[in-house]
Amino acid sequence: MTWLQTRRPSASMIVALIALFVALGGSSYAAVTLAKNSVGSKQLKKNAVTTAKIKNGAVTGNKIKNGAVTGNKIKLSSLGTVPSAKVAGSAQNVKTWFQTATSGQTVTLLSEGPFTYRGVCGSSTAETTITTTQNDSEFNSYGGNWTEPFNPSSGAVRVGYEATSSDPWYGPYDGTDSALSGDGRTVVETTVSDGTGVGGVPCTFAGYAVVFTR
């Protein structure tokens, strides 16, 4: 018993034991002491990097490959309106028309908000008119009539000049107009052209309108 208690390990034994411990713990040591940039895409297991493993804000714009994020990857509802496009966003539509009519016929060209534009074909005349169903509207037409206020009782007001046998085609310069609804929520900017006896038909009506609403 005395011999076991007093005998001490030799220096060589101590070195051997240390070597054994280092060998047994070498893999764990290596796992926590990887050299910088030693792990690349080849060392990553497929699907090893999940969303939960990515820190918020870790992936910035300069870390995304050009063209990697396409339109179908973007949630459009998350995008705001470009400041300079706020006014453009209020433009609802652009409408056009190109219609013909026979003598004595009236055709509807455009209906928007309280306003209705019609083409009126006479025996040798053609003109575009506008009416409103809302009181206190405003209407201003180059070469036509200025009606302020423009009410339902104002009736049909001519837009621009009428085409006649002596001036069979009028517009678009002489047929521009602007109408504002009484509630201030609809604006119609319109350019029209009228023709009588041109193109082999009694009357021709053409034009376009830019409609703004809010």
Protein backbone atom coordinates (compact mmCIF):
# COMPACT_ATOMS: atom_id res chain seq x y z
CA MET A 1 0.00 0.00 0.00
CA THR A 2 2.87 2.30 0.89
CA TRP A 3 4.48 1.73 -2.51
CA LEU A 4 1.26 2.74 -4.38
CA GLN A 5 0.81 5.89 -2.35
CA THR A 6 4.36 7.15 -2.73
CA ARG A 7 5.06 6.31 -6.35
CA ARG A 8 4.67 9.21 -8.70
CA PRO A 9 4.25 9.13 -12.48
CA SER A 10 7.35 9.75 -14.47
CA ALA A 11 7.80 12.72 -16.79
CA SER A 12 7.35 10.52 -19.84
CA MET A 13 4.05 9.24 -18.48
CA ILE A 14 2.79 12.77 -18.02
CA VAL A 15 3.68 13.70 -21.60
CA ALA A 16 1.96 10.55 -22.87
CA LEU A 17 -1.20 11.38 -20.95
CA ILE A 18 -1.26 14.94 -22.27
CA ALA A 19 -0.88 13.66 -25.82
CA LEU A 20 -3.75 11.25 -25.28
CA PHE A 21 -6.07 13.98 -23.98
CA VAL A 22 -5.21 16.27 -26.90
CA ALA A 23 -5.89 13.48 -29.40
CA LEU A 24 -9.26 12.67 -27.83
CA GLY A 25 -10.38 16.31 -27.73
CA GLY A 26 -8.85 17.39 -31.01
CA SER A 27 -12.09 17.31 -33.04
CA SER A 28 -13.94 19.51 -30.53
CA TYR A 29 -11.03 21.91 -30.41
CA ALA A 30 -10.96 22.16 -34.20
CA ALA A 31 -14.72 22.80 -34.35
CA VAL A 32 -14.42 25.97 -32.29
CA THR A 33 -11.12 27.23 -33.67
CA LEU A 34 -11.77 27.23 -37.45
CA ALA A 35 -9.49 29.53 -39.35
CA LYS A 36 -10.98 32.68 -40.88
CA ASN A 37 -12.59 32.06 -44.30
CA SER A 38 -11.95 28.32 -44.01
CA VAL A 39 -15.67 27.41 -44.48
CA GLY A 40 -16.95 27.93 -48.02
CA SER A 41 -19.98 26.86 -50.04
CA LYS A 42 -18.49 23.37 -50.51
CA GLN A 43 -18.39 22.82 -46.75
CA LEU A 44 -22.06 23.77 -46.24
CA LYS A 45 -24.61 20.99 -46.24
CA LYS A 46 -27.57 21.47 -48.57
CA ASN A 47 -30.39 23.43 -46.85
CA ALA A 48 -28.13 23.98 -43.84
CA VAL A 49 -28.67 27.76 -43.90
CA THR A 50 -32.33 28.45 -43.13
CA THR A 51 -34.23 31.70 -42.59
CA ALA A 52 -33.98 31.31 -38.82
CA LYS A 53 -30.17 31.15 -39.11
CA ILE A 54 -29.90 34.51 -40.89
CA LYS A 55 -29.66 37.57 -38.66
CA ASN A 56 -32.09 40.40 -39.39
CA GLY A 57 -30.37 42.98 -41.56
CA ALA A 58 -27.46 40.65 -42.33
CA VAL A 59 -28.25 40.44 -46.05
CA THR A 60 -27.80 43.93 -47.49
CA GLY A 61 -28.07 45.21 -51.05
CA ASN A 62 -24.36 44.87 -51.82
CA LYS A 63 -24.50 41.19 -50.83
CA ILE A 64 -27.22 40.34 -53.39
CA LYS A 65 -26.13 39.36 -56.87
CA ASN A 66 -27.35 41.66 -59.64
CA GLY A 67 -30.53 40.25 -61.18
CA ALA A 68 -31.01 37.75 -58.35
CA VAL A 69 -34.23 39.36 -57.07
CA THR A 70 -36.89 39.39 -59.83
CA GLY A 71 -40.36 40.91 -59.92
CA ASN A 72 -42.18 37.75 -58.84
CA LYS A 73 -40.07 37.69 -55.66
CA ILE A 74 -41.29 41.13 -54.54
CA LYS A 75 -44.49 41.69 -52.58
CA LEU A 76 -45.96 44.62 -54.50
CA SER A 77 -48.26 45.68 -51.66
CA SER A 78 -45.17 46.40 -49.58
CA LEU A 79 -43.97 49.06 -52.01
CA GLY A 80 -44.96 52.65 -51.40
CA THR A 81 -45.75 55.30 -54.00
CA VAL A 82 -42.83 57.19 -55.48
CA PRO A 83 -43.28 60.79 -54.20
CA SER A 84 -43.16 62.36 -57.66
CA ALA A 85 -45.77 59.87 -58.93
CA LYS A 86 -48.50 60.71 -56.42
CA VAL A 87 -50.23 63.10 -58.81
CA ALA A 88 -49.81 60.71 -61.74
CA GLY A 89 -51.45 58.02 -59.62
CA SER A 90 -54.69 60.01 -59.64
CA ALA A 91 -55.02 59.71 -63.44
CA GLN A 92 -57.62 57.01 -63.87
CA ASN A 93 -57.62 56.53 -67.63
CA VAL A 94 -57.32 57.91 -71.11
CA LYS A 95 -60.26 57.29 -73.40
CA THR A 96 -60.56 57.72 -77.15
CA TRP A 97 -63.40 57.62 -79.63
CA PHE A 98 -63.84 57.54 -83.40
CA GLN A 99 -67.47 57.32 -84.48
CA THR A 100 -69.62 58.16 -87.45
CA ALA A 101 -73.27 59.16 -87.62
CA THR A 102 -75.98 59.79 -90.15
CA SER A 103 -77.89 63.04 -90.61
CA GLY A 104 -80.22 63.68 -87.67
CA GLN A 105 -78.47 61.14 -85.43
CA THR A 106 -76.92 61.84 -82.00
CA VAL A 107 -74.29 59.41 -80.67
CA THR A 108 -72.78 59.16 -77.19
CA LEU A 109 -69.00 59.60 -77.30
CA LEU A 110 -68.03 59.59 -73.62
CA SER A 111 -69.67 59.36 -70.21
CA GLU A 112 -67.49 60.12 -67.19
CA GLY A 113 -68.64 61.25 -63.75
CA PRO A 114 -71.51 63.70 -64.22
CA PHE A 115 -70.46 64.54 -67.79
CA THR A 116 -71.67 63.12 -71.10
CA TYR A 117 -70.16 64.03 -74.46
CA ARG A 118 -72.28 63.50 -77.57
CA GLY A 119 -71.82 63.87 -81.30
CA VAL A 120 -74.71 65.67 -83.01
CA CYS A 121 -75.03 65.17 -86.78
CA GLY A 122 -77.09 67.71 -88.72
CA SER A 123 -77.93 67.83 -92.40
CA SER A 124 -74.66 69.64 -93.14
CA THR A 125 -73.14 70.20 -89.71
CA ALA A 126 -71.37 68.17 -87.03
CA GLU A 127 -70.67 69.21 -83.47
CA THR A 128 -69.68 67.73 -80.11
CA THR A 129 -71.65 68.73 -77.03
CA ILE A 130 -71.37 68.20 -73.28
CA THR A 131 -74.00 67.98 -70.53
CA THR A 132 -73.73 67.56 -66.77
CA THR A 133 -75.96 66.03 -64.11
CA GLN A 134 -74.28 67.92 -61.24
CA ASN A 135 -74.92 71.52 -60.20
CA ASP A 136 -72.05 73.99 -59.80
CA SER A 137 -69.83 72.22 -62.33
CA GLU A 138 -67.45 74.27 -64.48
CA PHE A 139 -66.84 74.11 -68.22
CA ASN A 140 -64.42 75.97 -70.45
CA SER A 141 -63.93 75.28 -74.16
CA TYR A 142 -61.62 76.88 -76.70
CA GLY A 143 -63.78 78.08 -79.56
CA GLY A 144 -66.88 76.81 -77.81
CA ASN A 145 -68.61 78.14 -74.73
CA TRP A 146 -67.57 79.18 -71.25
CA THR A 147 -70.24 78.05 -68.82
CA GLU A 148 -69.63 78.93 -65.18
CA PRO A 149 -71.40 77.53 -63.31
CA PHE A 150 -72.28 74.58 -65.50
CA ASN A 151 -75.57 73.05 -64.30
CA PRO A 152 -78.00 70.41 -65.62
CA SER A 153 -80.24 73.31 -66.60
CA SER A 154 -77.47 74.61 -68.87
CA GLY A 155 -78.42 71.86 -71.32
CA ALA A 156 -76.09 70.70 -74.09
CA VAL A 157 -73.15 73.04 -74.54
CA ARG A 158 -71.05 72.95 -77.70
CA VAL A 159 -67.41 71.86 -77.44
CA GLY A 160 -65.21 73.78 -79.88
CA TYR A 161 -66.52 74.90 -83.26
CA GLU A 162 -68.99 72.97 -85.36
CA ALA A 163 -68.03 71.56 -88.72
CA THR A 164 -70.03 72.90 -91.67
CA SER A 165 -70.13 72.37 -95.42
CA SER A 166 -67.76 75.34 -95.85
CA ASP A 167 -65.44 74.12 -93.06
CA PRO A 168 -66.00 70.36 -93.14
CA TRP A 169 -63.32 69.39 -90.61
CA TYR A 170 -62.60 71.14 -87.30
CA GLY A 171 -60.14 70.21 -84.60
CA PRO A 172 -58.35 69.34 -82.55
CA TYR A 173 -56.94 72.81 -81.82
CA ASP A 174 -60.38 74.35 -82.03
CA GLY A 175 -61.97 71.66 -79.90
CA THR A 176 -60.15 71.51 -76.57
CA ASP A 177 -62.08 71.81 -73.34
CA SER A 178 -61.93 71.30 -69.60
CA ALA A 179 -64.76 70.27 -67.31
CA LEU A 180 -64.75 70.17 -63.49
CA SER A 181 -67.51 68.44 -61.54
CA GLY A 182 -69.47 70.35 -58.91
CA ASP A 183 -68.07 68.24 -56.09
CA GLY A 184 -64.52 68.86 -57.32
CA ARG A 185 -63.76 65.15 -57.65
CA THR A 186 -63.71 64.72 -61.45
CA VAL A 187 -61.81 66.64 -64.13
CA VAL A 188 -62.09 65.78 -67.83
CA GLU A 189 -59.60 67.29 -70.28
CA THR A 190 -60.84 66.61 -73.81
CA THR A 191 -59.70 67.27 -77.38
CA VAL A 192 -62.26 66.69 -80.12
CA SER A 193 -62.49 66.80 -83.91
CA ASP A 194 -65.71 67.06 -85.93
CA GLY A 195 -66.28 66.42 -89.63
CA THR A 196 -69.23 66.66 -91.97
CA GLY A 197 -69.32 65.11 -95.42
CA VAL A 198 -65.74 63.85 -95.12
CA GLY A 199 -64.51 60.31 -95.58
CA GLY A 200 -67.68 59.35 -97.44
CA VAL A 201 -69.95 59.62 -94.35
CA PRO A 202 -72.33 62.39 -93.21
CA CYS A 203 -70.59 62.98 -89.85
CA THR A 204 -67.37 61.92 -88.15
CA PHE A 205 -66.46 62.43 -84.49
CA ALA A 206 -63.00 61.73 -83.08
CA GLY A 207 -61.22 62.67 -79.88
CA TYR A 208 -59.61 61.68 -76.63
CA ALA A 209 -60.05 62.52 -72.96
CA VAL A 210 -57.82 62.38 -69.93
CA VAL A 211 -59.90 61.70 -66.83
CA PHE A 212 -58.71 62.62 -63.34
CA THR A 213 -60.58 61.60 -60.20
CA ARG A 214 -59.91 61.85 -56.47
